[in-house]
């Protein structure tokens, strides 16, 4: 078991997502930055479907009640063991019974991923452990929670298994996109703006969506008949807002779908926050 002594700003259990229920209005959910989360599981030789903790902006304080091994990837939130030993990212670290894992200042990125050997064993709902409002009993971990994990004796860290941090994943403003279903309805001027303008991430950003504001994008496109949307769909509102749908997004929408982020671009977007700049690259 792992005790939650402090929960952090927004820490939740996530896996690769809940598939096969979108026709019933259930979002996919899952890790926001799948690149970083899968790397954490790969370092531990876990299944890619193993559940991890997603840490947003600030990390939790956790106490381990058994031996295990962990890997931390994604944003650098200054992890330390027993309040004195800094942990290296992107490598395997042995944890002993009684160890305390906590986090400090954010150095880069926005979301970090904590994987444990064999994954977190919280309840599965509709084939996934991903926390989501209305599907699971809670949307995030809370102080006092006990998170089940498997005890692993005799684990040794793979001292040579260190993956170089891809800083471009956090620093690049370029997001690879495809044309959305309504892209060709845009005027040539609007298309040029989408391709060449740098947009600023607004304060309205969370697991459901990120908003980008720009009055130059005001348009006369009619709303579409409610149609399928996916994580990574970029919607354009009449007021000129670009809404980038993320992992907890709804399954249908009525705004024109002008672009679609590629999978890696969704992961890169998950590491952005208020004031960051992004540029769409078709």
C-alpha atoms as a PDB file:
ATOM      1  CA  UNK A   1       0.000   0.000   0.000  1.00  0.00           C
ATOM      2  CA  UNK A   2       0.911   3.649  -0.461  1.00  0.00           C
ATOM      3  CA  UNK A   3      -0.442   6.292   1.941  1.00  0.00           C
ATOM      4  CA  UNK A   4      -1.314   9.734   0.614  1.00  0.00           C
ATOM      5  CA  UNK A   5      -0.052  12.256   3.181  1.00  0.00           C
ATOM      6  CA  UNK A   6      -0.548  15.229   0.844  1.00  0.00           C
ATOM      7  CA  UNK A   7      -2.433  15.058  -2.436  1.00  0.00           C
ATOM      8  CA  UNK A   8      -0.781  17.844  -4.458  1.00  0.00           C
ATOM      9  CA  UNK A   9      -2.679  20.256  -6.704  1.00  0.00           C
ATOM     10  CA  UNK A  10      -4.336  17.633  -8.918  1.00  0.00           C
ATOM     11  CA  UNK A  11      -3.037  14.077  -8.707  1.00  0.00           C
ATOM     12  CA  UNK A  12      -5.050  11.251 -10.228  1.00  0.00           C
ATOM     13  CA  UNK A  13      -4.727   7.592 -11.156  1.00  0.00           C
ATOM     14  CA  UNK A  14      -4.675   7.172 -14.924  1.00  0.00           C
ATOM     15  CA  UNK A  15      -3.896   4.466 -17.470  1.00  0.00           C
ATOM     16  CA  UNK A  16      -4.035   4.558 -21.287  1.00  0.00           C
ATOM     17  CA  UNK A  17      -7.788   5.151 -21.236  1.00  0.00           C
ATOM     18  CA  UNK A  18     -11.295   3.742 -21.304  1.00  0.00           C
ATOM     19  CA  UNK A  19     -12.102   2.519 -24.803  1.00  0.00           C
ATOM     20  CA  UNK A  20     -15.289   1.166 -26.355  1.00  0.00           C
ATOM     21  CA  UNK A  21     -17.821   3.355 -24.546  1.00  0.00           C
ATOM     22  CA  UNK A  22     -17.793   6.621 -26.498  1.00  0.00           C
ATOM     23  CA  UNK A  23     -21.076   5.699 -28.180  1.00  0.00           C
ATOM     24  CA  UNK A  24     -22.573   5.827 -24.677  1.00  0.00           C
ATOM     25  CA  UNK A  25     -21.081   9.242 -23.947  1.00  0.00           C
ATOM     26  CA  UNK A  26     -18.165   7.987 -21.831  1.00  0.00           C
ATOM     27  CA  UNK A  27     -14.905   9.855 -22.534  1.00  0.00           C
ATOM     28  CA  UNK A  28     -11.660   8.018 -23.222  1.00  0.00           C
ATOM     29  CA  UNK A  29      -9.814   9.782 -20.358  1.00  0.00           C
ATOM     30  CA  UNK A  30      -6.382   8.313 -19.571  1.00  0.00           C
ATOM     31  CA  UNK A  31      -2.976   9.941 -19.217  1.00  0.00           C
ATOM     32  CA  UNK A  32      -2.681  13.412 -20.725  1.00  0.00           C
ATOM     33  CA  UNK A  33       0.929  12.877 -21.816  1.00  0.00           C
ATOM     34  CA  UNK A  34       0.949   9.310 -23.115  1.00  0.00           C
ATOM     35  CA  UNK A  35       4.576   9.612 -24.266  1.00  0.00           C
ATOM     36  CA  UNK A  36       5.864  10.273 -20.735  1.00  0.00           C
ATOM     37  CA  UNK A  37       3.515   7.799 -19.024  1.00  0.00           C
ATOM     38  CA  UNK A  38       4.429   4.955 -21.377  1.00  0.00           C
ATOM     39  CA  UNK A  39       8.112   5.714 -20.850  1.00  0.00           C
ATOM     40  CA  UNK A  40       7.669   5.368 -17.078  1.00  0.00           C
ATOM     41  CA  UNK A  41       6.029   1.959 -17.491  1.00  0.00           C
ATOM     42  CA  UNK A  42       8.624   0.843 -20.041  1.00  0.00           C
ATOM     43  CA  UNK A  43      11.464   1.617 -17.639  1.00  0.00           C
ATOM     44  CA  UNK A  44       9.882  -0.734 -15.091  1.00  0.00           C
ATOM     45  CA  UNK A  45       9.055  -3.367 -17.706  1.00  0.00           C
ATOM     46  CA  UNK A  46       5.380  -2.886 -16.864  1.00  0.00           C
ATOM     47  CA  UNK A  47       2.539  -3.479 -19.276  1.00  0.00           C
ATOM     48  CA  UNK A  48       1.690  -0.305 -21.184  1.00  0.00           C
ATOM     49  CA  UNK A  49      -1.795  -0.543 -19.670  1.00  0.00           C
ATOM     50  CA  UNK A  50      -0.477  -0.315 -16.086  1.00  0.00           C
ATOM     51  CA  UNK A  51      -1.966   2.553 -14.062  1.00  0.00           C
ATOM     52  CA  UNK A  52       0.272   5.439 -13.009  1.00  0.00           C
ATOM     53  CA  UNK A  53      -0.140   8.596 -10.973  1.00  0.00           C
ATOM     54  CA  UNK A  54      -0.489  11.777 -13.020  1.00  0.00           C
ATOM     55  CA  UNK A  55       0.880  14.775 -11.097  1.00  0.00           C
ATOM     56  CA  UNK A  56      -0.200  18.256 -12.170  1.00  0.00           C
ATOM     57  CA  UNK A  57       1.955  21.305 -11.307  1.00  0.00           C
ATOM     58  CA  UNK A  58       2.687  20.177  -7.728  1.00  0.00           C
ATOM     59  CA  UNK A  59       3.277  16.665  -6.495  1.00  0.00           C
ATOM     60  CA  UNK A  60       1.882  14.687  -3.557  1.00  0.00           C
ATOM     61  CA  UNK A  61       3.642  13.350  -0.485  1.00  0.00           C
ATOM     62  CA  UNK A  62       3.466   9.554  -0.371  1.00  0.00           C
ATOM     63  CA  UNK A  63       4.598   6.952   2.127  1.00  0.00           C
ATOM     64  CA  UNK A  64       5.309   3.412   0.944  1.00  0.00           C
ATOM     65  CA  UNK A  65       4.344   0.457   3.144  1.00  0.00           C
ATOM     66  CA  UNK A  66       6.239  -2.132   1.109  1.00  0.00           C
ATOM     67  CA  UNK A  67       9.319  -2.512  -1.051  1.00  0.00           C
ATOM     68  CA  UNK A  68       8.934  -1.649  -4.720  1.00  0.00           C
ATOM     69  CA  UNK A  69      10.580   0.235  -7.583  1.00  0.00           C
ATOM     70  CA  UNK A  70       9.412   3.466  -9.184  1.00  0.00           C
ATOM     71  CA  UNK A  71      10.120   5.573 -12.249  1.00  0.00           C
ATOM     72  CA  UNK A  72       9.250   9.256 -12.615  1.00  0.00           C
ATOM     73  CA  UNK A  73       8.962  10.896 -16.031  1.00  0.00           C
ATOM     74  CA  UNK A  74       7.458  14.001 -17.603  1.00  0.00           C
ATOM     75  CA  UNK A  75       7.672  17.355 -15.841  1.00  0.00           C
ATOM     76  CA  UNK A  76      10.486  17.920 -13.338  1.00  0.00           C
ATOM     77  CA  UNK A  77       8.783  18.496  -9.978  1.00  0.00           C
ATOM     78  CA  UNK A  78      11.946  18.044  -7.879  1.00  0.00           C
ATOM     79  CA  UNK A  79      11.201  14.591  -6.372  1.00  0.00           C
ATOM     80  CA  UNK A  80      13.051  13.587  -3.187  1.00  0.00           C
ATOM     81  CA  UNK A  81      13.140  10.509  -0.957  1.00  0.00           C
ATOM     82  CA  UNK A  82      12.865  10.986   2.801  1.00  0.00           C
ATOM     83  CA  UNK A  83      13.152  14.758   2.352  1.00  0.00           C
ATOM     84  CA  UNK A  84      16.887  14.613   1.576  1.00  0.00           C
ATOM     85  CA  UNK A  85      17.782  12.468  -1.463  1.00  0.00           C
ATOM     86  CA  UNK A  86      16.895  13.932  -4.888  1.00  0.00           C
ATOM     87  CA  UNK A  87      15.597  11.419  -7.413  1.00  0.00           C
ATOM     88  CA  UNK A  88      16.729  11.309 -11.014  1.00  0.00           C
ATOM     89  CA  UNK A  89      14.023  11.329 -13.664  1.00  0.00           C
ATOM     90  CA  UNK A  90      13.705   8.727 -16.423  1.00  0.00           C
ATOM     91  CA  UNK A  91      15.358   5.901 -14.504  1.00  0.00           C
ATOM     92  CA  UNK A  92      14.432   3.107 -12.071  1.00  0.00           C
ATOM     93  CA  UNK A  93      14.671   3.809  -8.347  1.00  0.00           C
ATOM     94  CA  UNK A  94      14.364   1.227  -5.569  1.00  0.00           C
ATOM     95  CA  UNK A  95      11.916   2.133  -2.787  1.00  0.00           C
ATOM     96  CA  UNK A  96      12.082   0.589   0.685  1.00  0.00           C
ATOM     97  CA  UNK A  97       9.234   0.022   3.121  1.00  0.00           C
ATOM     98  CA  UNK A  98       8.676   3.230   5.091  1.00  0.00           C
ATOM     99  CA  UNK A  99      10.220   5.546   2.481  1.00  0.00           C
ATOM    100  CA  UNK A 100       8.642   8.956   1.982  1.00  0.00           C
ATOM    101  CA  UNK A 101       8.398  10.378  -1.547  1.00  0.00           C
ATOM    102  CA  UNK A 102       7.688  14.089  -1.896  1.00  0.00           C
ATOM    103  CA  UNK A 103       8.030  16.810  -4.532  1.00  0.00           C
ATOM    104  CA  UNK A 104       9.216  20.411  -4.598  1.00  0.00           C
ATOM    105  CA  UNK A 105       9.483  23.268  -7.084  1.00  0.00           C
ATOM    106  CA  UNK A 106       8.599  22.814 -10.733  1.00  0.00           C
ATOM    107  CA  UNK A 107      11.624  23.148 -13.029  1.00  0.00           C
ATOM    108  CA  UNK A 108       9.992  22.472 -16.394  1.00  0.00           C
ATOM    109  CA  UNK A 109       6.820  20.987 -17.841  1.00  0.00           C
ATOM    110  CA  UNK A 110       3.432  20.780 -16.164  1.00  0.00           C
ATOM    111  CA  UNK A 111       2.553  17.093 -15.657  1.00  0.00           C
ATOM    112  CA  UNK A 112       4.745  14.332 -14.224  1.00  0.00           C
ATOM    113  CA  UNK A 113       4.125  10.581 -14.095  1.00  0.00           C
ATOM    114  CA  UNK A 114       4.909   8.216 -11.241  1.00  0.00           C
ATOM    115  CA  UNK A 115       4.896   4.523 -12.133  1.00  0.00           C
ATOM    116  CA  UNK A 116       5.392   1.690  -9.632  1.00  0.00           C
ATOM    117  CA  UNK A 117       6.417  -1.866 -10.405  1.00  0.00           C
ATOM    118  CA  UNK A 118       3.332  -3.686 -11.814  1.00  0.00           C
ATOM    119  CA  UNK A 119       1.219  -0.529 -11.578  1.00  0.00           C
ATOM    120  CA  UNK A 120      -1.282   0.923  -9.123  1.00  0.00           C
ATOM    121  CA  UNK A 121      -4.090  -1.532  -8.343  1.00  0.00           C
ATOM    122  CA  UNK A 122      -7.026   0.803  -7.755  1.00  0.00           C
ATOM    123  CA  UNK A 123     -10.446  -0.498  -8.903  1.00  0.00           C
ATOM    124  CA  UNK A 124     -11.197  -0.925 -12.596  1.00  0.00           C
ATOM    125  CA  UNK A 125     -14.413   0.580 -13.963  1.00  0.00           C
ATOM    126  CA  UNK A 126     -15.432  -0.184 -17.545  1.00  0.00           C
ATOM    127  CA  UNK A 127     -12.045  -1.739 -18.199  1.00  0.00           C
ATOM    128  CA  UNK A 128      -9.909   1.144 -16.945  1.00  0.00           C
ATOM    129  CA  UNK A 129      -8.518   2.548 -13.690  1.00  0.00           C
ATOM    130  CA  UNK A 130      -8.572   6.120 -15.056  1.00  0.00           C
ATOM    131  CA  UNK A 131     -10.326   8.486 -12.677  1.00  0.00           C
ATOM    132  CA  UNK A 132     -13.193  10.459 -14.187  1.00  0.00           C
ATOM    133  CA  UNK A 133     -16.147  12.294 -12.667  1.00  0.00           C
ATOM    134  CA  UNK A 134     -19.298  10.187 -12.679  1.00  0.00           C
ATOM    135  CA  UNK A 135     -17.471   7.007 -13.658  1.00  0.00           C
ATOM    136  CA  UNK A 136     -15.130   6.411 -10.725  1.00  0.00           C
ATOM    137  CA  UNK A 137     -15.836   7.209  -7.072  1.00  0.00           C
ATOM    138  CA  UNK A 138     -13.436  10.168  -7.107  1.00  0.00           C
ATOM    139  CA  UNK A 139     -11.670  12.287  -9.729  1.00  0.00           C
ATOM    140  CA  UNK A 140      -8.351  12.620  -7.882  1.00  0.00           C
ATOM    141  CA  UNK A 141      -6.495  11.194  -4.919  1.00  0.00           C
ATOM    142  CA  UNK A 142      -7.053  12.783  -1.523  1.00  0.00           C
ATOM    143  CA  UNK A 143      -5.153  13.085   1.731  1.00  0.00           C
ATOM    144  CA  UNK A 144      -5.628   9.885   3.729  1.00  0.00           C
ATOM    145  CA  UNK A 145      -6.169   7.623   0.712  1.00  0.00           C
ATOM    146  CA  UNK A 146      -4.494   4.221   0.539  1.00  0.00           C
ATOM    147  CA  UNK A 147      -3.363   3.236  -2.945  1.00  0.00           C
ATOM    148  CA  UNK A 148      -2.865  -0.522  -3.418  1.00  0.00           C
ATOM    149  CA  UNK A 149       0.311  -1.767  -5.104  1.00  0.00           C
ATOM    150  CA  UNK A 150       2.039  -5.155  -5.240  1.00  0.00           C
ATOM    151  CA  UNK A 151       4.946  -5.781  -2.909  1.00  0.00           C
ATOM    152  CA  UNK A 152       8.177  -6.586  -4.726  1.00  0.00           C
ATOM    153  CA  UNK A 153      11.153  -8.008  -2.816  1.00  0.00           C
ATOM    154  CA  UNK A 154      14.755  -8.073  -3.951  1.00  0.00           C
ATOM    155  CA  UNK A 155      14.417  -5.478  -6.694  1.00  0.00           C
ATOM    156  CA  UNK A 156      17.606  -3.869  -7.896  1.00  0.00           C
ATOM    157  CA  UNK A 157      17.713  -0.636  -9.870  1.00  0.00           C
ATOM    158  CA  UNK A 158      18.906  -0.898 -13.457  1.00  0.00           C
ATOM    159  CA  UNK A 159      21.692   1.597 -12.998  1.00  0.00           C
ATOM    160  CA  UNK A 160      22.475   1.642 -16.712  1.00  0.00           C
ATOM    161  CA  UNK A 161      18.841   2.175 -17.718  1.00  0.00           C
ATOM    162  CA  UNK A 162      18.632   5.949 -17.920  1.00  0.00           C
ATOM    163  CA  UNK A 163      16.712   7.552 -20.761  1.00  0.00           C
ATOM    164  CA  UNK A 164      17.911  10.964 -21.890  1.00  0.00           C
ATOM    165  CA  UNK A 165      15.300  13.637 -21.271  1.00  0.00           C
ATOM    166  CA  UNK A 166      13.795  14.998 -24.485  1.00  0.00           C
ATOM    167  CA  UNK A 167      13.638  18.691 -23.596  1.00  0.00           C
ATOM    168  CA  UNK A 168      12.089  19.453 -26.976  1.00  0.00           C
ATOM    169  CA  UNK A 169       8.994  17.622 -25.723  1.00  0.00           C
ATOM    170  CA  UNK A 170       8.538  20.386 -23.129  1.00  0.00           C
ATOM    171  CA  UNK A 171      10.049  23.419 -24.841  1.00  0.00           C
ATOM    172  CA  UNK A 172       8.895  23.232 -28.447  1.00  0.00           C
ATOM    173  CA  UNK A 173       5.936  25.407 -29.384  1.00  0.00           C
ATOM    174  CA  UNK A 174       5.226  23.495 -32.616  1.00  0.00           C
ATOM    175  CA  UNK A 175       2.272  21.099 -32.604  1.00  0.00           C
ATOM    176  CA  UNK A 176       1.850  18.646 -35.493  1.00  0.00           C
ATOM    177  CA  UNK A 177      -1.758  18.698 -36.725  1.00  0.00           C
ATOM    178  CA  UNK A 178      -3.950  17.315 -39.489  1.00  0.00           C
ATOM    179  CA  UNK A 179      -6.788  19.116 -41.243  1.00  0.00           C
ATOM    180  CA  UNK A 180     -10.086  18.728 -39.406  1.00  0.00           C
ATOM    181  CA  UNK A 181     -13.395  17.796 -41.111  1.00  0.00           C
ATOM    182  CA  UNK A 182     -14.470  21.463 -41.420  1.00  0.00           C
ATOM    183  CA  UNK A 183     -11.034  22.898 -42.306  1.00  0.00           C
ATOM    184  CA  UNK A 184     -11.923  23.431 -45.964  1.00  0.00           C
ATOM    185  CA  UNK A 185     -14.898  25.599 -44.990  1.00  0.00           C
ATOM    186  CA  UNK A 186     -12.497  28.260 -43.703  1.00  0.00           C
ATOM    187  CA  UNK A 187     -11.540  31.282 -45.791  1.00  0.00           C
ATOM    188  CA  UNK A 188      -7.983  31.405 -47.124  1.00  0.00           C
ATOM    189  CA  UNK A 189      -7.232  34.206 -44.667  1.00  0.00           C
ATOM    190  CA  UNK A 190      -8.342  32.045 -41.747  1.00  0.00           C
ATOM    191  CA  UNK A 191      -6.304  29.104 -43.016  1.00  0.00           C
ATOM    192  CA  UNK A 192      -3.195  31.292 -43.197  1.00  0.00           C
ATOM    193  CA  UNK A 193      -3.791  32.515 -39.652  1.00  0.00           C
ATOM    194  CA  UNK A 194      -4.077  28.959 -38.368  1.00  0.00           C
ATOM    195  CA  UNK A 195      -0.872  27.936 -40.130  1.00  0.00           C
ATOM    196  CA  UNK A 196       1.288  30.957 -39.359  1.00  0.00           C
ATOM    197  CA  UNK A 197       0.112  32.585 -36.137  1.00  0.00           C
ATOM    198  CA  UNK A 198       1.502  31.846 -32.692  1.00  0.00           C
ATOM    199  CA  UNK A 199      -1.277  31.397 -30.118  1.00  0.00           C
ATOM    200  CA  UNK A 200      -1.159  31.909 -26.367  1.00  0.00           C
ATOM    201  CA  UNK A 201      -2.553  29.310 -23.975  1.00  0.00           C
ATOM    202  CA  UNK A 202      -5.321  30.798 -21.859  1.00  0.00           C
ATOM    203  CA  UNK A 203      -5.936  30.264 -18.154  1.00  0.00           C
ATOM    204  CA  UNK A 204      -8.880  28.024 -19.087  1.00  0.00           C
ATOM    205  CA  UNK A 205      -6.942  24.764 -19.368  1.00  0.00           C
ATOM    206  CA  UNK A 206      -7.522  21.401 -17.710  1.00  0.00           C
ATOM    207  CA  UNK A 207      -7.961  17.720 -18.509  1.00  0.00           C
ATOM    208  CA  UNK A 208     -11.031  18.486 -20.628  1.00  0.00           C
ATOM    209  CA  UNK A 209      -9.708  21.235 -22.889  1.00  0.00           C
ATOM    210  CA  UNK A 210      -7.267  24.078 -23.487  1.00  0.00           C
ATOM    211  CA  UNK A 211      -8.477  27.433 -24.794  1.00  0.00           C
ATOM    212  CA  UNK A 212      -6.492  29.719 -27.093  1.00  0.00           C
ATOM    213  CA  UNK A 213      -7.736  33.295 -27.505  1.00  0.00           C
ATOM    214  CA  UNK A 214      -7.413  35.472 -30.607  1.00  0.00           C
ATOM    215  CA  UNK A 215      -9.924  38.036 -31.887  1.00  0.00           C
ATOM    216  CA  UNK A 216      -8.522  37.747 -35.424  1.00  0.00           C
ATOM    217  CA  UNK A 217     -10.167  34.334 -35.653  1.00  0.00           C
ATOM    218  CA  UNK A 218     -13.734  35.628 -35.407  1.00  0.00           C
ATOM    219  CA  UNK A 219     -15.637  33.763 -38.102  1.00  0.00           C
ATOM    220  CA  UNK A 220     -19.021  33.364 -39.743  1.00  0.00           C
ATOM    221  CA  UNK A 221     -19.016  29.577 -39.900  1.00  0.00           C
ATOM    222  CA  UNK A 222     -22.329  28.052 -38.978  1.00  0.00           C
ATOM    223  CA  UNK A 223     -22.395  25.564 -36.087  1.00  0.00           C
ATOM    224  CA  UNK A 224     -22.281  21.995 -37.309  1.00  0.00           C
ATOM    225  CA  UNK A 225     -24.723  19.218 -36.528  1.00  0.00           C
ATOM    226  CA  UNK A 226     -23.473  17.643 -33.316  1.00  0.00           C
ATOM    227  CA  UNK A 227     -20.719  15.296 -34.432  1.00  0.00           C
ATOM    228  CA  UNK A 228     -17.979  13.071 -33.058  1.00  0.00           C
ATOM    229  CA  UNK A 229     -14.976  14.714 -31.415  1.00  0.00           C
ATOM    230  CA  UNK A 230     -11.797  13.130 -30.058  1.00  0.00           C
ATOM    231  CA  UNK A 231      -8.902  14.055 -27.804  1.00  0.00           C
ATOM    232  CA  UNK A 232      -6.849  16.435 -29.918  1.00  0.00           C
ATOM    233  CA  UNK A 233      -9.773  17.868 -31.898  1.00  0.00           C
ATOM    234  CA  UNK A 234      -9.403  21.654 -32.334  1.00  0.00           C
ATOM    235  CA  UNK A 235     -12.758  23.459 -32.392  1.00  0.00           C
ATOM    236  CA  UNK A 236     -13.313  27.044 -33.541  1.00  0.00           C
ATOM    237  CA  UNK A 237     -16.062  29.046 -31.841  1.00  0.00           C
ATOM    238  CA  UNK A 238     -17.892  32.025 -33.447  1.00  0.00           C
ATOM    239  CA  UNK A 239     -16.103  34.325 -30.970  1.00  0.00           C
ATOM    240  CA  UNK A 240     -12.722  33.242 -32.322  1.00  0.00           C
ATOM    241  CA  UNK A 241     -11.718  30.892 -29.532  1.00  0.00           C
ATOM    242  CA  UNK A 242      -9.773  27.795 -30.409  1.00  0.00           C
ATOM    243  CA  UNK A 243     -10.642  24.929 -28.071  1.00  0.00           C
ATOM    244  CA  UNK A 244      -8.190  22.026 -28.029  1.00  0.00           C
ATOM    245  CA  UNK A 245     -10.006  19.023 -26.611  1.00  0.00           C
ATOM    246  CA  UNK A 246      -7.968  16.860 -24.256  1.00  0.00           C
ATOM    247  CA  UNK A 247      -8.318  13.385 -22.704  1.00  0.00           C
ATOM    248  CA  UNK A 248     -11.463  14.033 -20.629  1.00  0.00           C
ATOM    249  CA  UNK A 249     -13.305  15.762 -23.471  1.00  0.00           C
ATOM    250  CA  UNK A 250     -16.930  15.092 -24.346  1.00  0.00           C
ATOM    251  CA  UNK A 251     -17.650  12.617 -27.134  1.00  0.00           C
ATOM    252  CA  UNK A 252     -19.624  14.982 -29.412  1.00  0.00           C
ATOM    253  CA  UNK A 253     -19.592  18.699 -30.179  1.00  0.00           C
ATOM    254  CA  UNK A 254     -21.245  21.372 -32.307  1.00  0.00           C
ATOM    255  CA  UNK A 255     -18.361  23.729 -33.140  1.00  0.00           C
ATOM    256  CA  UNK A 256     -16.480  23.344 -36.447  1.00  0.00           C
ATOM    257  CA  UNK A 257     -13.553  20.912 -36.116  1.00  0.00           C
ATOM    258  CA  UNK A 258     -10.822  22.759 -37.968  1.00  0.00           C
ATOM    259  CA  UNK A 259      -7.725  20.786 -36.915  1.00  0.00           C
ATOM    260  CA  UNK A 260      -6.755  17.505 -35.254  1.00  0.00           C
ATOM    261  CA  UNK A 261      -3.621  17.174 -33.127  1.00  0.00           C
ATOM    262  CA  UNK A 262      -1.491  14.102 -33.727  1.00  0.00           C
ATOM    263  CA  UNK A 263      -0.895  11.817 -30.743  1.00  0.00           C
ATOM    264  CA  UNK A 264       2.534  13.220 -29.855  1.00  0.00           C
ATOM    265  CA  UNK A 265       1.182  16.757 -30.136  1.00  0.00           C
ATOM    266  CA  UNK A 266      -1.524  15.932 -27.562  1.00  0.00           C
ATOM    267  CA  UNK A 267       1.223  14.797 -25.188  1.00  0.00           C
ATOM    268  CA  UNK A 268       3.211  17.977 -25.833  1.00  0.00           C
ATOM    269  CA  UNK A 269       0.098  20.108 -25.267  1.00  0.00           C
ATOM    270  CA  UNK A 270      -0.421  18.394 -21.903  1.00  0.00           C
ATOM    271  CA  UNK A 271       2.872  19.949 -20.749  1.00  0.00           C
ATOM    272  CA  UNK A 272       1.742  23.510 -21.581  1.00  0.00           C
ATOM    273  CA  UNK A 273       0.147  25.989 -19.197  1.00  0.00           C
ATOM    274  CA  UNK A 274      -1.200  29.545 -19.042  1.00  0.00           C
ATOM    275  CA  UNK A 275       0.950  31.943 -21.067  1.00  0.00           C
ATOM    276  CA  UNK A 276       2.808  29.327 -23.112  1.00  0.00           C
ATOM    277  CA  UNK A 277       2.804  29.762 -26.879  1.00  0.00           C
ATOM    278  CA  UNK A 278       1.903  27.205 -29.534  1.00  0.00           C
ATOM    279  CA  UNK A 279       2.145  27.099 -33.320  1.00  0.00           C
ATOM    280  CA  UNK A 280       0.200  24.626 -35.467  1.00  0.00           C
ATOM    281  CA  UNK A 281       2.244  22.746 -38.057  1.00  0.00           C
ATOM    282  CA  UNK A 282       0.170  21.044 -40.766  1.00  0.00           C
END
